[in-house]
Amino acid sequence: MTETASADHTVTSLAALEALYDAPGEAAILKEIDHVNAPYRALIEAAPFVVIATGGAGGLDCSPRGDPAGFVRIADERTLLIPDRRGNNRIDTLRNLIEDPRIALLFMIPGYDETLRVNGRAVISTDPALTESFRLDGKAPRTVIVVTVERVYFQCSKALVRSRLWDPERRVARGTLPTAGRILAACSQGRIAATPFDDAYPARVKATLY
């Protein structure tokens, strides 16, 4: 009998997992390379948004980063440079990289259904010449994440096609969801008041964007 899962339907072994799925097709294997080639360069240079995944002693982190398209700079076919723009100073991504250099990136391009995945290792640089080269709106980032590329491959369009992520008709009306202030009020059990926070929020975002 083929091994599938335990009595409670939990998959607990690689053998059980692999029994549930077909072998990957040739394209799924050949699309993965160890460097940024010309097609993958085009995708990175067109992307205004990337999600960064890291892990450390404190746990896992998945952090969104965005800037004008091409903000992730390709230094060479095995090196990417990511400016660490102003944020909330939790520095979860950077803390993790100090403890564990492994990093994963997911690039997304509005209107384009394929995504691009990059896995590698990273260090944090404070090189003045490097940080200054990323100056935007008069401000340079404090650090730059230097990624050594190990694996690059595109993800097929199925997830974005199923979600219709770029379909204007699927946009959710902002007023139907909780505001940042309401979320914070609930999380802080009222310590942060929703209305004052929301009233000041747009100006705060604009003032602290860079």
N, C-alpha and C. Protein backbone atom coordinates (compact mmCIF):
# COMPACT_ATOMS: atom_id res chain seq x y z
N MET A 1 0.85 -1.20 0.00
CA MET A 1 0.00 0.00 0.00
C MET A 1 0.88 1.24 0.00
N THR A 2 0.55 2.23 -0.82
CA THR A 2 1.34 3.45 -0.89
C THR A 2 1.19 4.26 0.38
N GLU A 3 2.33 4.71 0.94
CA GLU A 3 2.28 5.52 2.14
C GLU A 3 1.74 6.90 1.78
N THR A 4 0.73 7.36 2.52
CA THR A 4 0.17 8.68 2.25
C THR A 4 0.25 9.57 3.49
N ALA A 5 -0.57 9.33 4.47
CA ALA A 5 -0.59 10.17 5.67
C ALA A 5 -0.95 9.34 6.88
N SER A 6 -0.78 9.92 8.07
CA SER A 6 -1.08 9.21 9.30
C SER A 6 -2.59 9.11 9.50
N ALA A 7 -2.99 8.41 10.57
CA ALA A 7 -4.41 8.17 10.82
C ALA A 7 -5.19 9.47 10.98
N ASP A 8 -4.53 10.53 11.47
CA ASP A 8 -5.24 11.80 11.64
C ASP A 8 -5.10 12.71 10.42
N HIS A 9 -4.65 12.10 9.32
CA HIS A 9 -4.52 12.80 8.05
C HIS A 9 -3.40 13.83 8.02
N THR A 10 -2.49 13.74 8.95
CA THR A 10 -1.34 14.65 8.97
C THR A 10 -0.18 14.01 8.21
N VAL A 11 0.40 14.75 7.30
CA VAL A 11 1.55 14.25 6.54
C VAL A 11 2.80 14.46 7.38
N THR A 12 3.50 13.39 7.68
CA THR A 12 4.63 13.49 8.61
C THR A 12 5.95 12.99 8.04
N SER A 13 5.98 12.60 6.78
CA SER A 13 7.23 12.13 6.19
C SER A 13 7.33 12.59 4.75
N LEU A 14 8.55 12.65 4.25
CA LEU A 14 8.75 13.02 2.85
C LEU A 14 8.13 12.00 1.91
N ALA A 15 8.23 10.74 2.30
CA ALA A 15 7.67 9.68 1.46
C ALA A 15 6.15 9.86 1.33
N ALA A 16 5.50 10.16 2.44
CA ALA A 16 4.05 10.37 2.41
C ALA A 16 3.69 11.60 1.59
N LEU A 17 4.49 12.64 1.73
CA LEU A 17 4.24 13.86 0.97
C LEU A 17 4.40 13.63 -0.52
N GLU A 18 5.49 13.00 -0.91
CA GLU A 18 5.76 12.80 -2.33
C GLU A 18 4.76 11.86 -2.98
N ALA A 19 4.15 11.00 -2.17
CA ALA A 19 3.14 10.09 -2.71
C ALA A 19 1.87 10.83 -3.11
N LEU A 20 1.67 12.01 -2.60
CA LEU A 20 0.47 12.79 -2.88
C LEU A 20 0.58 13.61 -4.17
N TYR A 21 1.79 13.80 -4.66
CA TYR A 21 2.01 14.70 -5.78
C TYR A 21 2.75 14.01 -6.93
N ASP A 22 2.53 14.52 -8.12
CA ASP A 22 3.27 14.03 -9.27
C ASP A 22 4.68 14.62 -9.25
N ALA A 23 5.58 14.02 -10.00
CA ALA A 23 6.94 14.57 -10.12
C ALA A 23 6.86 15.88 -10.90
N PRO A 24 7.71 16.86 -10.56
CA PRO A 24 7.70 18.13 -11.29
C PRO A 24 8.06 17.93 -12.74
N GLY A 25 7.46 18.74 -13.61
CA GLY A 25 7.75 18.66 -15.04
C GLY A 25 9.12 19.23 -15.36
N GLU A 26 9.57 19.01 -16.56
CA GLU A 26 10.90 19.46 -16.97
C GLU A 26 11.05 20.97 -16.84
N ALA A 27 10.03 21.71 -17.22
CA ALA A 27 10.11 23.17 -17.15
C ALA A 27 10.30 23.66 -15.73
N ALA A 28 9.65 22.98 -14.78
CA ALA A 28 9.75 23.38 -13.37
C ALA A 28 11.17 23.23 -12.83
N ILE A 29 11.93 22.32 -13.43
CA ILE A 29 13.31 22.10 -13.01
C ILE A 29 14.26 23.04 -13.76
N LEU A 30 14.08 23.15 -15.07
CA LEU A 30 15.02 23.92 -15.88
C LEU A 30 14.93 25.42 -15.64
N LYS A 31 13.80 25.91 -15.11
CA LYS A 31 13.67 27.36 -14.90
C LYS A 31 14.53 27.86 -13.75
N GLU A 32 15.01 26.95 -12.91
CA GLU A 32 15.83 27.33 -11.76
C GLU A 32 17.30 27.38 -12.15
N ILE A 33 17.92 28.54 -11.96
CA ILE A 33 19.35 28.71 -12.25
C ILE A 33 20.02 29.39 -11.06
N ASP A 34 21.34 29.50 -11.11
CA ASP A 34 22.08 30.02 -9.96
C ASP A 34 22.56 31.45 -10.15
N HIS A 35 21.95 32.16 -11.11
CA HIS A 35 22.38 33.53 -11.37
C HIS A 35 21.24 34.30 -12.02
N VAL A 36 21.40 35.60 -12.12
CA VAL A 36 20.39 36.44 -12.77
C VAL A 36 20.73 36.56 -14.25
N ASN A 37 19.96 35.90 -15.09
CA ASN A 37 20.20 35.99 -16.53
C ASN A 37 19.41 37.17 -17.11
N ALA A 38 19.43 37.35 -18.42
CA ALA A 38 18.79 38.51 -19.04
C ALA A 38 17.28 38.57 -18.79
N PRO A 39 16.53 37.47 -18.97
CA PRO A 39 15.09 37.54 -18.69
C PRO A 39 14.79 37.84 -17.22
N TYR A 40 15.53 37.23 -16.31
CA TYR A 40 15.29 37.47 -14.90
C TYR A 40 15.69 38.90 -14.52
N ARG A 41 16.73 39.42 -15.14
CA ARG A 41 17.11 40.82 -14.93
C ARG A 41 15.96 41.75 -15.29
N ALA A 42 15.31 41.48 -16.42
CA ALA A 42 14.20 42.32 -16.87
C ALA A 42 13.08 42.35 -15.84
N LEU A 43 12.81 41.21 -15.21
CA LEU A 43 11.74 41.15 -14.21
C LEU A 43 12.12 41.93 -12.95
N ILE A 44 13.35 41.77 -12.48
CA ILE A 44 13.79 42.50 -11.29
C ILE A 44 13.75 44.00 -11.53
N GLU A 45 14.19 44.42 -12.70
CA GLU A 45 14.23 45.84 -13.01
C GLU A 45 12.84 46.44 -13.19
N ALA A 46 11.85 45.62 -13.45
CA ALA A 46 10.48 46.11 -13.63
C ALA A 46 9.67 46.06 -12.33
N ALA A 47 10.22 45.44 -11.30
CA ALA A 47 9.45 45.22 -10.07
C ALA A 47 9.55 46.39 -9.10
N PRO A 48 8.41 46.95 -8.67
CA PRO A 48 8.41 48.00 -7.66
C PRO A 48 8.16 47.45 -6.26
N PHE A 49 8.07 46.12 -6.15
CA PHE A 49 7.67 45.51 -4.88
C PHE A 49 8.34 44.15 -4.72
N VAL A 50 8.86 43.91 -3.52
CA VAL A 50 9.45 42.61 -3.22
C VAL A 50 9.12 42.24 -1.77
N VAL A 51 8.89 40.97 -1.55
CA VAL A 51 8.67 40.46 -0.20
C VAL A 51 9.94 39.72 0.21
N ILE A 52 10.44 40.04 1.42
CA ILE A 52 11.68 39.45 1.93
C ILE A 52 11.37 38.50 3.07
N ALA A 53 11.82 37.26 2.95
CA ALA A 53 11.64 36.27 4.01
C ALA A 53 12.98 35.95 4.65
N THR A 54 13.00 35.95 5.99
CA THR A 54 14.20 35.62 6.76
C THR A 54 13.81 34.82 7.98
N GLY A 55 14.80 34.28 8.67
CA GLY A 55 14.55 33.54 9.89
C GLY A 55 15.69 33.71 10.87
N GLY A 56 15.37 33.66 12.15
CA GLY A 56 16.38 33.79 13.19
C GLY A 56 15.89 33.17 14.48
N ALA A 57 16.63 33.40 15.56
CA ALA A 57 16.26 32.81 16.85
C ALA A 57 14.89 33.28 17.32
N GLY A 58 14.53 34.50 16.93
CA GLY A 58 13.24 35.05 17.35
C GLY A 58 12.08 34.58 16.50
N GLY A 59 12.36 33.84 15.44
CA GLY A 59 11.29 33.32 14.58
C GLY A 59 11.47 33.75 13.14
N LEU A 60 10.42 33.58 12.37
CA LEU A 60 10.44 33.91 10.95
C LEU A 60 9.90 35.32 10.72
N ASP A 61 10.26 35.88 9.57
CA ASP A 61 9.75 37.21 9.22
C ASP A 61 9.52 37.26 7.73
N CYS A 62 8.45 37.94 7.33
CA CYS A 62 8.13 38.14 5.92
C CYS A 62 7.77 39.61 5.77
N SER A 63 8.63 40.36 5.10
CA SER A 63 8.52 41.81 5.11
C SER A 63 8.37 42.38 3.70
N PRO A 64 7.36 43.25 3.47
CA PRO A 64 7.21 43.88 2.15
C PRO A 64 8.13 45.08 2.00
N ARG A 65 8.68 45.25 0.81
CA ARG A 65 9.51 46.42 0.49
C ARG A 65 9.08 46.96 -0.86
N GLY A 66 9.03 48.28 -0.97
CA GLY A 66 8.63 48.87 -2.23
C GLY A 66 9.28 50.21 -2.49
N ASP A 67 9.44 50.54 -3.73
CA ASP A 67 10.05 51.78 -4.19
C ASP A 67 9.78 51.86 -5.69
N PRO A 68 10.25 52.89 -6.37
CA PRO A 68 10.08 52.91 -7.82
C PRO A 68 10.67 51.66 -8.47
N ALA A 69 10.06 51.22 -9.57
CA ALA A 69 10.50 50.00 -10.25
C ALA A 69 12.01 49.99 -10.46
N GLY A 70 12.61 48.86 -10.17
CA GLY A 70 14.06 48.72 -10.31
C GLY A 70 14.83 49.12 -9.08
N PHE A 71 14.13 49.33 -7.95
CA PHE A 71 14.84 49.78 -6.75
C PHE A 71 15.78 48.72 -6.19
N VAL A 72 15.53 47.45 -6.50
CA VAL A 72 16.49 46.40 -6.17
C VAL A 72 17.53 46.40 -7.29
N ARG A 73 18.74 46.78 -6.94
CA ARG A 73 19.79 46.96 -7.94
C ARG A 73 20.54 45.66 -8.19
N ILE A 74 20.82 45.40 -9.46
CA ILE A 74 21.58 44.22 -9.84
C ILE A 74 23.04 44.64 -10.01
N ALA A 75 23.87 44.32 -9.03
CA ALA A 75 25.28 44.68 -9.11
C ALA A 75 26.01 43.82 -10.13
N ASP A 76 25.68 42.55 -10.12
CA ASP A 76 26.18 41.61 -11.12
C ASP A 76 25.24 40.41 -11.10
N GLU A 77 25.53 39.40 -11.90
CA GLU A 77 24.57 38.31 -12.05
C GLU A 77 24.38 37.47 -10.79
N ARG A 78 25.21 37.68 -9.79
CA ARG A 78 25.05 36.94 -8.54
C ARG A 78 24.94 37.85 -7.32
N THR A 79 24.69 39.14 -7.53
CA THR A 79 24.61 40.07 -6.41
C THR A 79 23.48 41.06 -6.60
N LEU A 80 22.59 41.14 -5.60
CA LEU A 80 21.51 42.11 -5.58
C LEU A 80 21.69 43.05 -4.40
N LEU A 81 21.29 44.30 -4.57
CA LEU A 81 21.41 45.32 -3.53
C LEU A 81 20.03 45.88 -3.22
N ILE A 82 19.63 45.84 -1.94
CA ILE A 82 18.30 46.30 -1.54
C ILE A 82 18.44 47.39 -0.49
N PRO A 83 18.01 48.61 -0.79
CA PRO A 83 18.08 49.68 0.22
C PRO A 83 17.09 49.42 1.34
N ASP A 84 17.50 49.63 2.57
CA ASP A 84 16.58 49.46 3.70
C ASP A 84 15.99 50.83 4.04
N ARG A 85 14.86 51.13 3.43
CA ARG A 85 14.22 52.42 3.63
C ARG A 85 13.63 52.54 5.04
N ARG A 86 13.30 53.77 5.37
CA ARG A 86 12.76 54.07 6.69
C ARG A 86 11.52 53.23 6.97
N GLY A 87 11.45 52.68 8.18
CA GLY A 87 10.32 51.84 8.56
C GLY A 87 9.91 52.11 9.99
N ASN A 88 9.48 51.06 10.68
CA ASN A 88 8.98 51.21 12.05
C ASN A 88 10.05 50.92 13.10
N ASN A 89 11.27 50.67 12.64
CA ASN A 89 12.42 50.42 13.53
C ASN A 89 12.33 49.10 14.31
N ARG A 90 11.42 48.22 13.91
CA ARG A 90 11.46 46.87 14.50
C ARG A 90 12.68 46.10 14.00
N ILE A 91 13.11 46.41 12.79
CA ILE A 91 14.26 45.79 12.11
C ILE A 91 14.27 44.26 12.23
N ASP A 92 13.10 43.65 12.11
CA ASP A 92 13.01 42.19 12.22
C ASP A 92 13.84 41.49 11.15
N THR A 93 13.76 41.99 9.92
CA THR A 93 14.54 41.38 8.83
C THR A 93 16.03 41.45 9.13
N LEU A 94 16.49 42.62 9.54
CA LEU A 94 17.92 42.81 9.78
C LEU A 94 18.40 42.00 10.98
N ARG A 95 17.61 41.94 12.02
CA ARG A 95 17.98 41.12 13.19
C ARG A 95 18.17 39.66 12.76
N ASN A 96 17.25 39.17 11.94
CA ASN A 96 17.35 37.78 11.50
C ASN A 96 18.61 37.55 10.67
N LEU A 97 18.93 38.50 9.79
CA LEU A 97 20.11 38.32 8.94
C LEU A 97 21.40 38.31 9.74
N ILE A 98 21.44 39.00 10.86
CA ILE A 98 22.61 38.94 11.73
C ILE A 98 22.81 37.52 12.25
N GLU A 99 21.69 36.85 12.57
CA GLU A 99 21.75 35.51 13.14
C GLU A 99 21.81 34.41 12.08
N ASP A 100 21.17 34.65 10.96
CA ASP A 100 21.07 33.63 9.90
C ASP A 100 21.06 34.35 8.56
N PRO A 101 22.08 34.21 7.74
CA PRO A 101 22.17 34.99 6.50
C PRO A 101 21.24 34.54 5.38
N ARG A 102 20.53 33.45 5.57
CA ARG A 102 19.67 32.96 4.50
C ARG A 102 18.52 33.94 4.25
N ILE A 103 18.19 34.14 2.97
CA ILE A 103 17.17 35.10 2.60
C ILE A 103 16.42 34.59 1.37
N ALA A 104 15.14 34.92 1.30
CA ALA A 104 14.33 34.58 0.13
C ALA A 104 13.55 35.82 -0.30
N LEU A 105 13.49 36.05 -1.60
CA LEU A 105 12.82 37.22 -2.15
C LEU A 105 11.71 36.79 -3.11
N LEU A 106 10.61 37.52 -3.09
CA LEU A 106 9.52 37.30 -4.03
C LEU A 106 9.19 38.64 -4.69
N PHE A 107 9.52 38.77 -5.98
CA PHE A 107 9.29 40.00 -6.73
C PHE A 107 7.92 39.94 -7.39
N MET A 108 7.20 41.08 -7.33
CA MET A 108 5.89 41.18 -7.97
C MET A 108 5.83 42.43 -8.83
N ILE A 109 5.20 42.29 -10.00
CA ILE A 109 5.09 43.38 -10.96
C ILE A 109 3.61 43.60 -11.27
N PRO A 110 3.07 44.78 -11.01
CA PRO A 110 1.64 45.02 -11.28
C PRO A 110 1.27 44.70 -12.72
N GLY A 111 0.21 43.92 -12.88
CA GLY A 111 -0.27 43.55 -14.20
C GLY A 111 0.42 42.35 -14.82
N TYR A 112 1.44 41.84 -14.16
CA TYR A 112 2.21 40.69 -14.68
C TYR A 112 1.95 39.51 -13.76
N ASP A 113 1.45 38.42 -14.29
CA ASP A 113 0.98 37.32 -13.44
C ASP A 113 2.08 36.40 -12.93
N GLU A 114 3.24 36.38 -13.58
CA GLU A 114 4.33 35.58 -13.06
C GLU A 114 5.04 36.36 -11.95
N THR A 115 5.59 35.66 -10.98
CA THR A 115 6.42 36.28 -9.95
C THR A 115 7.82 35.69 -10.07
N LEU A 116 8.77 36.35 -9.42
CA LEU A 116 10.15 35.88 -9.48
C LEU A 116 10.65 35.61 -8.07
N ARG A 117 11.27 34.44 -7.90
CA ARG A 117 11.79 34.04 -6.59
C ARG A 117 13.31 33.97 -6.63
N VAL A 118 13.91 34.52 -5.59
CA VAL A 118 15.37 34.48 -5.45
C VAL A 118 15.70 33.99 -4.05
N ASN A 119 16.54 32.99 -3.96
CA ASN A 119 17.04 32.51 -2.67
C ASN A 119 18.54 32.73 -2.62
N GLY A 120 19.03 33.05 -1.44
CA GLY A 120 20.46 33.28 -1.31
C GLY A 120 20.86 33.57 0.12
N ARG A 121 21.96 34.29 0.25
CA ARG A 121 22.46 34.70 1.56
C ARG A 121 22.76 36.19 1.51
N ALA A 122 22.66 36.84 2.66
CA ALA A 122 22.78 38.29 2.66
C ALA A 122 23.62 38.80 3.83
N VAL A 123 24.21 39.96 3.61
CA VAL A 123 24.89 40.70 4.67
C VAL A 123 24.32 42.12 4.66
N ILE A 124 24.54 42.83 5.76
CA ILE A 124 24.05 44.20 5.90
C ILE A 124 25.24 45.15 5.79
N SER A 125 25.16 46.10 4.87
CA SER A 125 26.27 47.02 4.64
C SER A 125 25.91 48.45 5.04
N THR A 126 26.88 49.12 5.67
CA THR A 126 26.74 50.55 5.98
C THR A 126 27.75 51.37 5.17
N ASP A 127 28.30 50.79 4.12
CA ASP A 127 29.26 51.48 3.27
C ASP A 127 28.67 52.83 2.83
N PRO A 128 29.31 53.95 3.21
CA PRO A 128 28.75 55.27 2.90
C PRO A 128 28.51 55.49 1.41
N ALA A 129 29.45 55.04 0.59
CA ALA A 129 29.29 55.22 -0.85
C ALA A 129 28.07 54.44 -1.36
N LEU A 130 27.85 53.25 -0.79
CA LEU A 130 26.73 52.42 -1.22
C LEU A 130 25.41 53.02 -0.76
N THR A 131 25.31 53.39 0.51
CA THR A 131 24.06 53.96 1.00
C THR A 131 23.74 55.27 0.27
N GLU A 132 24.75 56.09 0.02
CA GLU A 132 24.53 57.35 -0.68
C GLU A 132 24.04 57.13 -2.11
N SER A 133 24.46 56.03 -2.72
CA SER A 133 24.04 55.76 -4.10
C SER A 133 22.55 55.45 -4.18
N PHE A 134 21.93 55.17 -3.04
CA PHE A 134 20.50 54.88 -3.01
C PHE A 134 19.69 56.06 -2.48
N ARG A 135 20.30 57.23 -2.41
CA ARG A 135 19.60 58.41 -1.92
C ARG A 135 18.37 58.69 -2.77
N LEU A 136 17.25 58.92 -2.11
CA LEU A 136 15.99 59.21 -2.80
C LEU A 136 15.21 60.22 -1.98
N ASP A 137 14.64 61.19 -2.65
CA ASP A 137 13.90 62.25 -1.97
C ASP A 137 14.77 62.93 -0.92
N GLY A 138 16.07 63.03 -1.23
CA GLY A 138 17.00 63.72 -0.34
C GLY A 138 17.50 62.90 0.83
N LYS A 139 17.13 61.63 0.91
CA LYS A 139 17.51 60.81 2.07
C LYS A 139 18.11 59.48 1.62
N ALA A 140 19.18 59.10 2.28
CA ALA A 140 19.83 57.82 2.00
C ALA A 140 19.41 56.80 3.06
N PRO A 141 19.32 55.53 2.69
CA PRO A 141 19.02 54.50 3.69
C PRO A 141 20.19 54.33 4.66
N ARG A 142 19.90 53.89 5.85
CA ARG A 142 20.97 53.65 6.83
C ARG A 142 21.80 52.43 6.45
N THR A 143 21.16 51.46 5.85
CA THR A 143 21.87 50.24 5.46
C THR A 143 21.38 49.76 4.09
N VAL A 144 22.17 48.88 3.50
CA VAL A 144 21.80 48.22 2.26
C VAL A 144 21.99 46.71 2.47
N ILE A 145 21.00 45.94 2.06
CA ILE A 145 21.09 44.48 2.15
C ILE A 145 21.76 43.98 0.88
N VAL A 146 22.89 43.31 1.04
CA VAL A 146 23.66 42.79 -0.09
C VAL A 146 23.38 41.29 -0.19
N VAL A 147 22.70 40.89 -1.25
CA VAL A 147 22.26 39.50 -1.41
C VAL A 147 23.18 38.77 -2.39
N THR A 148 23.73 37.65 -1.94
CA THR A 148 24.45 36.76 -2.85
C THR A 148 23.46 35.72 -3.36
N VAL A 149 23.22 35.74 -4.65
CA VAL A 149 22.21 34.89 -5.28
C VAL A 149 22.69 33.44 -5.33
N GLU A 150 21.80 32.52 -4.93
CA GLU A 150 22.08 31.09 -5.04
C GLU A 150 21.11 30.38 -5.96
N ARG A 151 19.85 30.81 -5.95
CA ARG A 151 18.83 30.19 -6.79
C ARG A 151 17.87 31.26 -7.28
N VAL A 152 17.52 31.21 -8.57
CA VAL A 152 16.56 32.14 -9.16
C VAL A 152 15.60 31.34 -10.03
N TYR A 153 14.31 31.60 -9.88
CA TYR A 153 13.35 30.97 -10.77
C TYR A 153 12.03 31.72 -10.73
N PHE A 154 11.32 31.70 -11.85
CA PHE A 154 10.02 32.36 -11.89
C PHE A 154 8.94 31.40 -11.43
N GLN A 155 7.92 31.98 -10.83
CA GLN A 155 6.76 31.20 -10.39
C GLN A 155 5.67 31.38 -11.44
N CYS A 156 5.06 30.30 -11.88
CA CYS A 156 4.04 30.40 -12.91
C CYS A 156 2.84 31.21 -12.42
N SER A 157 1.97 31.55 -13.33
CA SER A 157 0.92 32.54 -13.07
C SER A 157 -0.30 32.01 -12.31
N LYS A 158 -0.35 30.72 -12.02
CA LYS A 158 -1.59 30.14 -11.49
C LYS A 158 -2.14 30.87 -10.26
N ALA A 159 -1.28 31.20 -9.29
CA ALA A 159 -1.76 31.83 -8.06
C ALA A 159 -2.40 33.18 -8.33
N LEU A 160 -1.77 33.98 -9.17
CA LEU A 160 -2.31 35.31 -9.46
C LEU A 160 -3.51 35.24 -10.38
N VAL A 161 -3.54 34.25 -11.27
CA VAL A 161 -4.72 34.07 -12.12
C VAL A 161 -5.91 33.64 -11.27
N ARG A 162 -5.67 32.70 -10.36
CA ARG A 162 -6.78 32.25 -9.50
C ARG A 162 -7.29 33.37 -8.61
N SER A 163 -6.37 34.17 -8.08
CA SER A 163 -6.76 35.25 -7.17
C SER A 163 -7.28 36.48 -7.90
N ARG A 164 -6.98 36.58 -9.22
CA ARG A 164 -7.31 37.76 -10.02
C ARG A 164 -6.77 39.02 -9.32
N LEU A 165 -5.56 38.93 -8.87
CA LEU A 165 -4.98 39.97 -8.04
C LEU A 165 -4.96 41.34 -8.72
N TRP A 166 -4.68 41.36 -10.03
CA TRP A 166 -4.56 42.64 -10.73
C TRP A 166 -5.87 43.10 -11.37
N ASP A 167 -6.94 42.35 -11.20
CA ASP A 167 -8.23 42.68 -11.81
C ASP A 167 -8.86 43.86 -11.06
N PRO A 168 -9.05 45.01 -11.70
CA PRO A 168 -9.64 46.17 -11.02
C PRO A 168 -11.00 45.87 -10.40
N GLU A 169 -11.74 44.94 -11.00
CA GLU A 169 -13.07 44.62 -10.47
C GLU A 169 -12.99 43.87 -9.14
N ARG A 170 -11.81 43.34 -8.82
CA ARG A 170 -11.67 42.60 -7.57
C ARG A 170 -11.11 43.46 -6.44
N ARG A 171 -10.88 44.73 -6.71
CA ARG A 171 -10.37 45.61 -5.66
C ARG A 171 -11.37 45.71 -4.53
N VAL A 172 -10.87 45.66 -3.31
CA VAL A 172 -11.72 45.73 -2.12
C VAL A 172 -11.86 47.19 -1.71
N ALA A 173 -13.06 47.64 -1.47
CA ALA A 173 -13.29 49.01 -1.02
C ALA A 173 -12.62 49.22 0.33
N ARG A 174 -11.75 50.23 0.40
CA ARG A 174 -10.97 50.46 1.63
C ARG A 174 -11.86 50.62 2.85
N GLY A 175 -13.02 51.25 2.67
CA GLY A 175 -13.89 51.51 3.81
C GLY A 175 -14.54 50.28 4.40
N THR A 176 -14.44 49.13 3.71
CA THR A 176 -15.04 47.90 4.23
C THR A 176 -14.10 47.16 5.18
N LEU A 177 -12.87 47.63 5.31
CA LEU A 177 -11.88 46.95 6.14
C LEU A 177 -11.45 47.85 7.30
N PRO A 178 -10.92 47.25 8.37
CA PRO A 178 -10.48 48.07 9.51
C PRO A 178 -9.36 49.03 9.12
N THR A 179 -9.39 50.22 9.68
CA THR A 179 -8.30 51.17 9.49
C THR A 179 -7.12 50.78 10.36
N ALA A 180 -5.96 51.39 10.10
CA ALA A 180 -4.78 51.13 10.94
C ALA A 180 -5.07 51.48 12.39
N GLY A 181 -5.79 52.59 12.59
CA GLY A 181 -6.12 53.01 13.96
C GLY A 181 -7.01 52.01 14.67
N ARG A 182 -8.00 51.49 13.95
CA ARG A 182 -8.90 50.52 14.57
C ARG A 182 -8.16 49.23 14.90
N ILE A 183 -7.25 48.82 14.04
CA ILE A 183 -6.46 47.61 14.31
C ILE A 183 -5.62 47.81 15.57
N LEU A 184 -4.94 48.97 15.65
CA LEU A 184 -4.09 49.25 16.81
C LEU A 184 -4.90 49.39 18.09
N ALA A 185 -6.07 49.99 17.98
CA ALA A 185 -6.93 50.12 19.16
C ALA A 185 -7.33 48.76 19.70
N ALA A 186 -7.65 47.84 18.79
CA ALA A 186 -8.02 46.49 19.22
C ALA A 186 -6.84 45.74 19.82
N CYS A 187 -5.66 45.86 19.16
CA CYS A 187 -4.48 45.15 19.65
C CYS A 187 -3.99 45.70 20.98
N SER A 188 -4.14 47.00 21.18
CA SER A 188 -3.65 47.65 22.41
C SER A 188 -4.71 47.74 23.48
N GLN A 189 -5.87 47.15 23.22
CA GLN A 189 -7.01 47.20 24.14
C GLN A 189 -7.34 48.64 24.53
N GLY A 190 -7.30 49.53 23.54
CA GLY A 190 -7.70 50.90 23.75
C GLY A 190 -6.60 51.85 24.16
N ARG A 191 -5.42 51.34 24.38
CA ARG A 191 -4.31 52.23 24.76
C ARG A 191 -4.01 53.24 23.65
N ILE A 192 -4.13 52.80 22.41
CA ILE A 192 -4.02 53.69 21.26
C ILE A 192 -5.43 53.94 20.75
N ALA A 193 -5.82 55.20 20.69
CA ALA A 193 -7.16 55.56 20.23
C ALA A 193 -7.21 55.56 18.71
N ALA A 194 -8.25 54.97 18.17
CA ALA A 194 -8.34 54.78 16.73
C ALA A 194 -8.45 56.09 15.96
N THR A 195 -9.38 56.95 16.33
CA THR A 195 -9.65 58.16 15.54
C THR A 195 -8.46 59.11 15.48
N PRO A 196 -7.82 59.47 16.60
CA PRO A 196 -6.66 60.35 16.51
C PRO A 196 -5.53 59.75 15.67
N PHE A 197 -5.32 58.45 15.81
CA PHE A 197 -4.27 57.80 15.03
C PHE A 197 -4.59 57.88 13.54
N ASP A 198 -5.83 57.56 13.17
CA ASP A 198 -6.21 57.60 11.76
C ASP A 198 -6.17 59.01 11.19
N ASP A 199 -6.55 59.99 11.98
CA ASP A 199 -6.53 61.37 11.51
C ASP A 199 -5.11 61.83 11.17
N ALA A 200 -4.14 61.38 11.97
CA ALA A 200 -2.75 61.81 11.77
C ALA A 200 -1.99 60.91 10.81
N TYR A 201 -2.59 59.78 10.47
CA TYR A 201 -1.87 58.74 9.72
C TYR A 201 -1.38 59.19 8.34
N PRO A 202 -2.22 59.79 7.50
CA PRO A 202 -1.75 60.16 6.15
C PRO A 202 -0.55 61.11 6.19
N ALA A 203 -0.60 62.11 7.05
CA ALA A 203 0.52 63.05 7.14
C ALA A 203 1.77 62.37 7.68
N ARG A 204 1.59 61.42 8.61
CA ARG A 204 2.73 60.70 9.20
C ARG A 204 3.41 59.85 8.14
N VAL A 205 2.63 59.16 7.33
CA VAL A 205 3.19 58.33 6.27
C VAL A 205 3.98 59.19 5.29
N LYS A 206 3.39 60.32 4.88
CA LYS A 206 4.06 61.20 3.93
C LYS A 206 5.36 61.73 4.49
N ALA A 207 5.36 62.10 5.77
CA ALA A 207 6.55 62.70 6.38
C ALA A 207 7.67 61.68 6.63
N THR A 208 7.31 60.42 6.75
CA THR A 208 8.31 59.39 7.10
C THR A 208 8.55 58.40 5.97
N LEU A 209 8.15 58.75 4.74
CA LEU A 209 8.27 57.82 3.63
C LEU A 209 9.72 57.51 3.33
N TYR A 210 10.61 58.50 3.44
CA TYR A 210 12.05 58.30 3.20
C TYR A 210 12.87 58.90 4.33
